[in-house]
Amino acid sequence: MSDDLQLPRAARIFVSFVALLRANSFSVAPEQTTSFLAAIELLGPRSLEHIRQAGLATLAPPPERRATYDRLFDLHFRGTDAIEQAEGEDEETVRLQEEGRGEDEPPLADEANESGLAAARAEALVERRFAQVPTSDPLRRLSREAAQRLPRRRGHRRRRARSGPFADLRRTLRDSVRNDGEVLRLGRMRRRQRPRKMLLLIDVSGSMKARTEENMRLAHVLVQSAGNVEVFTFGTRLTRVTPALRLKRREQALSAASFLVSDWDGGTRIGDALQAFLAVPRFAGYARGAAVVIVSDGLERGDPAALRDAVAKLSRRAWRVSWLTPLATSPGFKPQTEALIAIERFVDDLVDGASSAAVVAHLLSLGMRRAA
């Protein structure tokens, strides 16, 4: 006799919900399933919310996957009503995302930005596959020279030096013992140099689709070459892809990143995405004292005031803010779009980002620049 026939009819829908969670990579032990059924019996239950709370208490989904748990719960117990409610969500909300795409999430826009020449407002959840191509010369140059030419900062620890602002009394006294107590030369110390934090924000919206793949390959090389680099993508969602890009093999890293990011080639809401970044204290901490590099064309469909405020806050936290846009192909580039005009006075560099060679050249030149 099968397990389904042994179960009471009223319990089958709850057991099938546990099976749905397991199918979506939730770890649920058999003892938790038994506790889930016991909690439902104890609560009554009088409403679906009681069942939801019983699942949270006994099945213990991870906090970072709470949104996925709620969506699966709604789809399982409410069916088409949950889908209709999801399709009616406010598209102006930029979502923070650090886990998988979530196959259960319905697309919020049916129109795709095929040309990639204009900014779009609507959100489109799609999967992207990266082609396997040889490493280009600019990326090889970045991998070779990053350790020496990326920006550095003075650390708190000190080291011996021929000249410096600090006296090395321990070394001076040790040398004086060899010279019968006479101080012939005063030892000096200076602060060590440490790599400066870097924050890379990549626009993956439809208007940047021609540069997305190469920008992601560049981000992987940068993460592999420097240990204190954080990478985020933004379009209609903000996604941290640093854990995926830390994988050494490029194909594996980009495949993992493609699973994390769900708004490839979608709409463009730069200001809302940056505001969402600053609203999370852990994320905003990545920008403090860092070299912030934003790779975007600046074709904003949202409110330019939100973008201006976000970039202004970034400039106050960061060591230096660079905006790399494919539109700045000439040396005398002057911003024409409303968004770039709004943020021009808050960025320290508004330069060419139309090719990997231009982006790499700017990154390697940051080590010779001063704080803004």
Protein backbone atom coordinates (compact mmCIF):
# COMPACT_ATOMS: atom_id res chain seq x y z
CA MET A 1 0.00 0.00 0.00
CA SER A 2 1.42 3.42 -0.94
CA ASP A 3 2.17 6.20 1.53
CA ASP A 4 -0.55 8.40 -0.02
CA LEU A 5 -3.21 5.78 0.79
CA GLN A 6 -2.04 5.55 4.38
CA LEU A 7 -2.37 9.30 4.90
CA PRO A 8 -5.70 10.87 5.87
CA ARG A 9 -7.15 12.90 3.03
CA ALA A 10 -6.96 16.11 5.09
CA ALA A 11 -3.21 15.68 5.65
CA ARG A 12 -2.23 15.05 2.03
CA ILE A 13 -2.22 18.73 1.01
CA PHE A 14 0.18 19.56 3.86
CA VAL A 15 2.54 16.68 3.09
CA SER A 16 2.55 17.65 -0.60
CA PHE A 17 3.55 21.19 0.43
CA VAL A 18 6.59 19.75 2.21
CA ALA A 19 7.42 17.81 -0.96
CA LEU A 20 7.17 21.06 -2.93
CA LEU A 21 9.65 22.71 -0.56
CA ARG A 22 12.09 19.82 -0.95
CA ALA A 23 11.78 20.07 -4.74
CA ASN A 24 12.86 23.71 -4.47
CA SER A 25 16.02 22.92 -2.44
CA PHE A 26 14.59 23.45 1.06
CA SER A 27 16.01 21.02 3.65
CA VAL A 28 13.10 19.45 5.54
CA ALA A 29 13.61 16.39 7.75
CA PRO A 30 10.85 13.80 8.30
CA GLU A 31 10.64 14.86 11.96
CA GLN A 32 9.88 18.41 10.84
CA THR A 33 7.03 17.15 8.66
CA THR A 34 5.52 15.37 11.66
CA SER A 35 5.92 18.52 13.77
CA PHE A 36 4.28 20.56 10.99
CA LEU A 37 1.20 18.32 11.01
CA ALA A 38 1.06 18.39 14.82
CA ALA A 39 1.26 22.21 14.84
CA ILE A 40 -1.61 22.46 12.35
CA GLU A 41 -3.71 20.16 14.49
CA LEU A 42 -2.90 22.24 17.55
CA LEU A 43 -3.76 25.57 15.88
CA GLY A 44 -7.08 24.41 14.46
CA PRO A 45 -6.32 25.98 12.01
CA ARG A 46 -8.68 28.91 11.51
CA SER A 47 -6.91 30.57 8.55
CA LEU A 48 -4.14 30.09 5.99
CA GLU A 49 -2.00 32.46 8.02
CA HIS A 50 -2.06 29.95 10.88
CA ILE A 51 -0.76 27.28 8.49
CA ARG A 52 1.94 29.64 7.22
CA GLN A 53 3.11 30.38 10.77
CA ALA A 54 3.07 26.69 11.66
CA GLY A 55 5.34 26.03 8.67
CA LEU A 56 7.71 28.82 9.64
CA ALA A 57 7.97 27.49 13.19
CA THR A 58 8.46 23.81 12.33
CA LEU A 59 9.92 23.66 8.80
CA ALA A 60 12.38 26.51 9.59
CA PRO A 61 13.11 27.97 6.15
CA PRO A 62 16.34 30.06 6.07
CA PRO A 63 15.69 33.80 6.63
CA GLU A 64 17.26 34.72 3.28
CA ARG A 65 14.77 32.40 1.50
CA ARG A 66 11.69 33.60 3.34
CA ALA A 67 10.33 35.31 0.20
CA THR A 68 10.64 32.07 -1.78
CA TYR A 69 8.90 30.15 1.02
CA ASP A 70 6.00 32.62 1.03
CA ARG A 71 5.64 32.44 -2.75
CA LEU A 72 5.62 28.63 -2.74
CA PHE A 73 3.08 28.65 0.09
CA ASP A 74 0.77 30.99 -1.84
CA LEU A 75 1.09 29.02 -5.07
CA HIS A 76 0.37 25.73 -3.28
CA PHE A 77 -2.54 26.79 -1.08
CA ARG A 78 -4.05 29.66 -3.10
CA GLY A 79 -3.32 28.57 -6.65
CA THR A 80 -4.24 31.03 -9.42
CA ASP A 81 -5.16 33.74 -6.93
CA ALA A 82 -1.52 34.02 -5.90
CA ILE A 83 -0.39 34.30 -9.52
CA GLU A 84 -2.88 37.06 -10.25
CA GLN A 85 -1.77 38.88 -7.12
CA ALA A 86 1.89 38.59 -8.17
CA GLU A 87 1.12 39.96 -11.62
CA GLY A 88 -0.50 42.99 -10.00
CA GLU A 89 2.51 43.89 -7.84
CA ASP A 90 3.93 47.40 -7.97
CA GLU A 91 6.58 47.35 -10.70
CA GLU A 92 8.23 50.45 -9.26
CA THR A 93 9.71 48.41 -6.36
CA VAL A 94 13.33 47.35 -6.79
CA ARG A 95 13.89 43.98 -5.13
CA LEU A 96 17.02 42.88 -3.31
CA GLN A 97 18.12 39.46 -4.38
CA GLU A 98 20.93 37.21 -3.14
CA GLU A 99 19.60 33.73 -3.86
CA GLY A 100 18.57 31.84 -6.97
CA ARG A 101 16.26 33.03 -9.70
CA GLY A 102 13.26 31.33 -8.12
CA GLU A 103 11.61 29.31 -10.84
CA ASP A 104 8.29 29.79 -9.09
CA GLU A 105 8.22 33.54 -9.73
CA PRO A 106 6.00 34.46 -12.71
CA PRO A 107 7.40 36.95 -15.25
CA LEU A 108 6.14 40.44 -14.64
CA ALA A 109 6.56 41.63 -18.22
CA ASP A 110 6.01 39.86 -21.52
CA GLU A 111 7.77 42.44 -23.67
CA ALA A 112 11.51 42.01 -24.24
CA ASN A 113 13.92 44.80 -25.14
CA GLU A 114 15.17 43.23 -28.35
CA SER A 115 17.21 46.15 -29.66
CA GLY A 116 18.92 47.17 -26.43
CA LEU A 117 18.95 50.79 -27.62
CA ALA A 118 16.39 52.26 -25.24
CA ALA A 119 15.69 52.15 -21.54
CA ALA A 120 12.61 50.27 -20.37
CA ARG A 121 10.61 50.54 -17.16
CA ALA A 122 8.95 47.10 -17.07
CA GLU A 123 10.58 44.20 -15.26
CA ALA A 124 11.34 41.04 -17.23
CA LEU A 125 12.65 37.94 -15.47
CA VAL A 126 14.81 35.94 -17.86
CA GLU A 127 17.75 33.54 -17.79
CA ARG A 128 20.96 34.34 -19.63
CA ARG A 129 23.56 31.94 -20.98
CA PHE A 130 27.15 33.10 -21.47
CA ALA A 131 29.07 31.99 -24.53
CA GLN A 132 32.49 30.40 -24.09
CA VAL A 133 34.97 32.76 -25.74
CA PRO A 134 38.75 33.18 -25.31
CA THR A 135 40.01 35.72 -22.80
CA SER A 136 40.58 39.05 -24.51
CA ASP A 137 43.87 40.98 -24.34
CA PRO A 138 42.48 43.73 -22.04
CA LEU A 139 41.27 41.13 -19.53
CA ARG A 140 44.65 39.39 -19.59
CA ARG A 141 46.27 42.76 -18.94
CA LEU A 142 43.94 43.38 -16.00
CA SER A 143 44.76 39.97 -14.50
CA ARG A 144 48.50 40.60 -14.93
CA GLU A 145 48.72 44.17 -13.61
CA ALA A 146 45.85 44.43 -11.11
CA ALA A 147 47.88 43.51 -8.02
CA GLN A 148 50.38 46.33 -8.60
CA ARG A 149 48.22 49.06 -10.14
CA LEU A 150 44.85 48.93 -8.39
CA PRO A 151 44.37 51.67 -5.75
CA ARG A 152 45.88 51.18 -2.32
CA ARG A 153 45.48 52.87 1.05
CA ARG A 154 47.62 53.36 4.14
CA GLY A 155 47.03 50.68 6.76
CA HIS A 156 47.29 51.02 10.53
CA ARG A 157 50.27 48.68 10.94
CA ARG A 158 53.79 50.02 10.47
CA ARG A 159 56.89 48.61 8.84
CA ARG A 160 60.57 49.45 8.75
CA ALA A 161 61.65 52.02 6.22
CA ARG A 162 64.71 54.10 5.32
CA SER A 163 62.66 57.22 5.91
CA GLY A 164 59.29 57.85 7.43
CA PRO A 165 57.35 59.96 9.92
CA PHE A 166 57.63 57.48 12.83
CA ALA A 167 60.69 56.58 14.92
CA ASP A 168 61.54 52.90 15.33
CA LEU A 169 62.67 52.99 18.96
CA ARG A 170 62.98 49.23 19.33
CA ARG A 171 65.32 48.95 16.40
CA THR A 172 67.26 52.03 17.49
CA LEU A 173 67.86 50.66 21.00
CA ARG A 174 68.87 47.27 19.65
CA ASP A 175 71.43 48.87 17.34
CA SER A 176 72.76 51.07 20.16
CA VAL A 177 73.68 47.96 22.19
CA ARG A 178 76.08 46.95 19.42
CA ASN A 179 77.69 50.40 19.53
CA ASP A 180 78.30 50.65 23.31
CA GLY A 181 75.09 52.57 23.92
CA GLU A 182 75.65 55.22 21.26
CA VAL A 183 72.83 56.06 18.88
CA LEU A 184 74.43 56.41 15.46
CA ARG A 185 71.25 56.29 13.40
CA LEU A 186 67.61 56.73 14.30
CA GLY A 187 65.45 53.97 12.80
CA ARG A 188 62.34 55.04 10.95
CA MET A 189 58.95 53.46 10.25
CA ARG A 190 56.05 54.14 7.93
CA ARG A 191 52.54 52.79 7.56
CA ARG A 192 51.98 49.75 5.39
CA GLN A 193 50.11 49.99 2.11
CA ARG A 194 47.00 47.83 1.79
CA PRO A 195 44.71 47.23 -1.21
CA ARG A 196 41.74 49.58 -1.21
CA LYS A 197 38.22 48.15 -1.33
CA MET A 198 36.55 48.23 -4.73
CA LEU A 199 32.83 48.22 -5.48
CA LEU A 200 31.71 47.39 -9.02
CA LEU A 201 28.07 48.07 -9.98
CA ILE A 202 27.10 46.68 -13.39
CA ASP A 203 24.01 47.70 -15.34
CA VAL A 204 22.42 44.55 -16.86
CA SER A 205 19.32 46.23 -18.29
CA GLY A 206 18.18 45.90 -21.88
CA SER A 207 19.95 49.07 -23.03
CA MET A 208 23.30 47.57 -21.92
CA LYS A 209 22.75 44.08 -23.31
CA ALA A 210 25.53 44.46 -25.91
CA ARG A 211 28.11 44.95 -23.13
CA THR A 212 26.70 42.71 -20.40
CA GLU A 213 28.65 39.54 -21.14
CA GLU A 214 32.01 41.27 -21.45
CA ASN A 215 31.37 43.33 -18.31
CA MET A 216 30.63 40.16 -16.34
CA ARG A 217 33.82 38.52 -17.62
CA LEU A 218 35.74 41.63 -16.58
CA ALA A 219 34.13 41.48 -13.12
CA HIS A 220 35.24 37.85 -12.75
CA VAL A 221 38.84 38.73 -13.62
CA LEU A 222 38.76 41.64 -11.17
CA VAL A 223 37.42 39.48 -8.32
CA GLN A 224 40.05 36.82 -9.01
CA SER A 225 42.87 39.38 -9.13
CA ALA A 226 41.96 41.33 -5.97
CA GLY A 227 40.59 39.91 -2.75
CA ASN A 228 38.48 42.87 -1.60
CA VAL A 229 36.16 43.46 -4.57
CA GLU A 230 32.36 43.44 -4.32
CA VAL A 231 30.20 43.16 -7.46
CA PHE A 232 26.49 43.95 -7.81
CA THR A 233 24.23 43.93 -10.85
CA PHE A 234 21.20 46.15 -11.22
CA GLY A 235 18.35 46.73 -13.64
CA THR A 236 15.00 46.35 -11.99
CA ARG A 237 16.55 44.33 -9.16
CA LEU A 238 19.75 44.63 -7.15
CA THR A 239 21.74 41.39 -6.93
CA ARG A 240 25.03 40.66 -5.20
CA VAL A 241 27.02 38.30 -7.43
CA THR A 242 30.35 38.33 -5.58
CA PRO A 243 30.02 34.75 -4.20
CA ALA A 244 29.44 33.38 -7.70
CA LEU A 245 32.38 35.30 -9.20
CA ARG A 246 34.75 33.95 -6.55
CA LEU A 247 34.64 30.57 -8.29
CA LYS A 248 37.97 30.18 -10.05
CA ARG A 249 36.75 28.69 -13.34
CA ARG A 250 35.17 31.40 -15.44
CA GLU A 251 32.49 29.17 -16.99
CA GLN A 252 31.32 27.97 -13.58
CA ALA A 253 31.38 31.49 -12.13
CA LEU A 254 29.34 33.02 -14.95
CA SER A 255 26.89 30.13 -14.89
CA ALA A 256 26.37 30.65 -11.16
CA ALA A 257 25.94 34.40 -11.70
CA SER A 258 23.38 33.79 -14.45
CA PHE A 259 21.35 31.75 -11.95
CA LEU A 260 21.54 34.48 -9.30
CA VAL A 261 20.50 37.36 -11.55
CA SER A 262 16.93 37.27 -12.84
CA ASP A 263 16.54 40.70 -14.49
CA TRP A 264 18.90 40.32 -17.44
CA ASP A 265 18.01 42.65 -20.34
CA GLY A 266 15.02 44.03 -18.46
CA GLY A 267 13.96 47.51 -17.40
CA THR A 268 16.15 50.37 -16.19
CA ARG A 269 15.65 51.85 -12.72
CA ILE A 270 19.14 52.93 -11.69
CA GLY A 271 18.12 55.39 -9.00
CA ASP A 272 15.83 52.93 -7.23
CA ALA A 273 18.51 50.22 -7.39
CA LEU A 274 21.17 52.48 -5.85
CA GLN A 275 18.71 53.63 -3.19
CA ALA A 276 18.03 49.97 -2.36
CA PHE A 277 21.78 49.36 -2.14
CA LEU A 278 22.24 52.21 0.33
CA ALA A 279 19.22 51.13 2.38
CA VAL A 280 20.94 47.88 3.45
CA PRO A 281 23.64 48.73 6.03
CA ARG A 282 25.78 45.72 5.07
CA PHE A 283 25.77 46.74 1.41
CA ALA A 284 26.34 50.43 2.14
CA GLY A 285 29.37 49.43 4.22
CA TYR A 286 31.02 48.04 1.09
CA ALA A 287 31.14 51.57 -0.33
CA ARG A 288 32.81 53.23 2.67
CA GLY A 289 36.33 54.26 1.66
CA ALA A 290 36.08 52.21 -1.55
CA ALA A 291 36.75 52.96 -5.18
CA VAL A 292 33.21 52.78 -6.58
CA VAL A 293 32.91 52.01 -10.30
CA ILE A 294 29.46 52.15 -11.95
CA VAL A 295 29.23 50.72 -15.47
CA SER A 296 26.01 52.04 -17.01
CA ASP A 297 24.78 54.12 -19.92
CA GLY A 298 22.65 56.22 -17.57
CA LEU A 299 19.46 55.79 -19.60
CA GLU A 300 17.20 56.09 -16.57
CA ARG A 301 13.43 55.60 -16.77
CA GLY A 302 12.82 56.40 -13.11
CA ASP A 303 12.99 59.69 -11.24
CA PRO A 304 16.36 61.45 -11.85
CA ALA A 305 16.07 62.99 -8.38
CA ALA A 306 16.33 59.52 -6.79
CA LEU A 307 19.42 58.79 -8.88
CA ARG A 308 20.98 62.15 -7.97
CA ASP A 309 20.39 61.61 -4.25
CA ALA A 310 21.79 58.07 -4.34
CA VAL A 311 24.97 59.09 -6.19
CA ALA A 312 25.41 62.03 -3.80
CA LYS A 313 25.28 59.67 -0.82
CA LEU A 314 27.70 57.27 -2.52
CA SER A 315 30.16 60.11 -3.16
CA ARG A 316 30.16 61.00 0.54
CA ARG A 317 30.95 57.41 1.55
CA ALA A 318 33.38 56.41 -1.18
CA TRP A 319 37.00 57.27 -1.78
CA ARG A 320 36.22 57.96 -5.42
CA VAL A 321 33.18 57.42 -7.68
CA SER A 322 33.69 56.62 -11.37
CA TRP A 323 30.85 56.36 -13.87
CA LEU A 324 31.74 54.50 -17.06
CA THR A 325 29.25 54.92 -19.86
CA PRO A 326 29.36 53.65 -23.48
CA LEU A 327 28.09 57.09 -24.52
CA ALA A 328 31.37 58.82 -23.58
CA THR A 329 33.33 57.72 -26.62
CA SER A 330 34.97 61.10 -27.33
CA PRO A 331 37.43 62.97 -25.05
CA GLY A 332 35.21 66.08 -24.91
CA PHE A 333 32.08 64.17 -23.92
CA LYS A 334 29.30 66.23 -22.39
CA PRO A 335 26.31 64.40 -20.86
CA GLN A 336 23.07 64.84 -22.78
CA THR A 337 20.65 62.62 -20.87
CA GLU A 338 18.76 64.00 -17.90
CA ALA A 339 20.15 61.34 -15.55
CA LEU A 340 23.82 61.91 -16.43
CA ILE A 341 23.39 65.67 -16.17
CA ALA A 342 21.89 65.20 -12.69
CA ILE A 343 24.79 63.11 -11.37
CA GLU A 344 27.69 64.81 -13.19
CA ARG A 345 28.73 67.00 -10.27
CA PHE A 346 28.73 64.08 -7.81
CA VAL A 347 31.01 61.72 -9.75
CA ASP A 348 34.77 62.14 -9.96
CA ASP A 349 35.15 60.47 -13.35
CA LEU A 350 32.63 60.35 -16.19
CA VAL A 351 34.55 58.41 -18.81
CA ASP A 352 34.32 55.90 -21.64
CA GLY A 353 32.94 52.44 -20.88
CA ALA A 354 32.23 51.30 -24.42
CA SER A 355 34.96 48.65 -24.53
CA SER A 356 36.87 46.37 -22.21
CA ALA A 357 40.10 48.14 -23.10
CA ALA A 358 38.67 51.48 -21.93
CA VAL A 359 37.28 50.01 -18.69
CA VAL A 360 40.55 48.19 -17.89
CA ALA A 361 42.62 51.30 -18.62
CA HIS A 362 40.52 53.33 -16.20
CA LEU A 363 40.65 50.68 -13.46
CA LEU A 364 44.43 50.44 -13.70
CA SER A 365 44.76 54.23 -13.60
CA LEU A 366 42.88 54.53 -10.28
CA GLY A 367 46.05 53.69 -8.33
CA MET A 368 47.61 56.99 -9.43
CA ARG A 369 44.61 59.13 -8.50
CA ARG A 370 43.88 60.93 -5.27
CA ALA A 371 40.78 60.89 -3.14
CA ALA A 372 38.02 63.20 -4.31
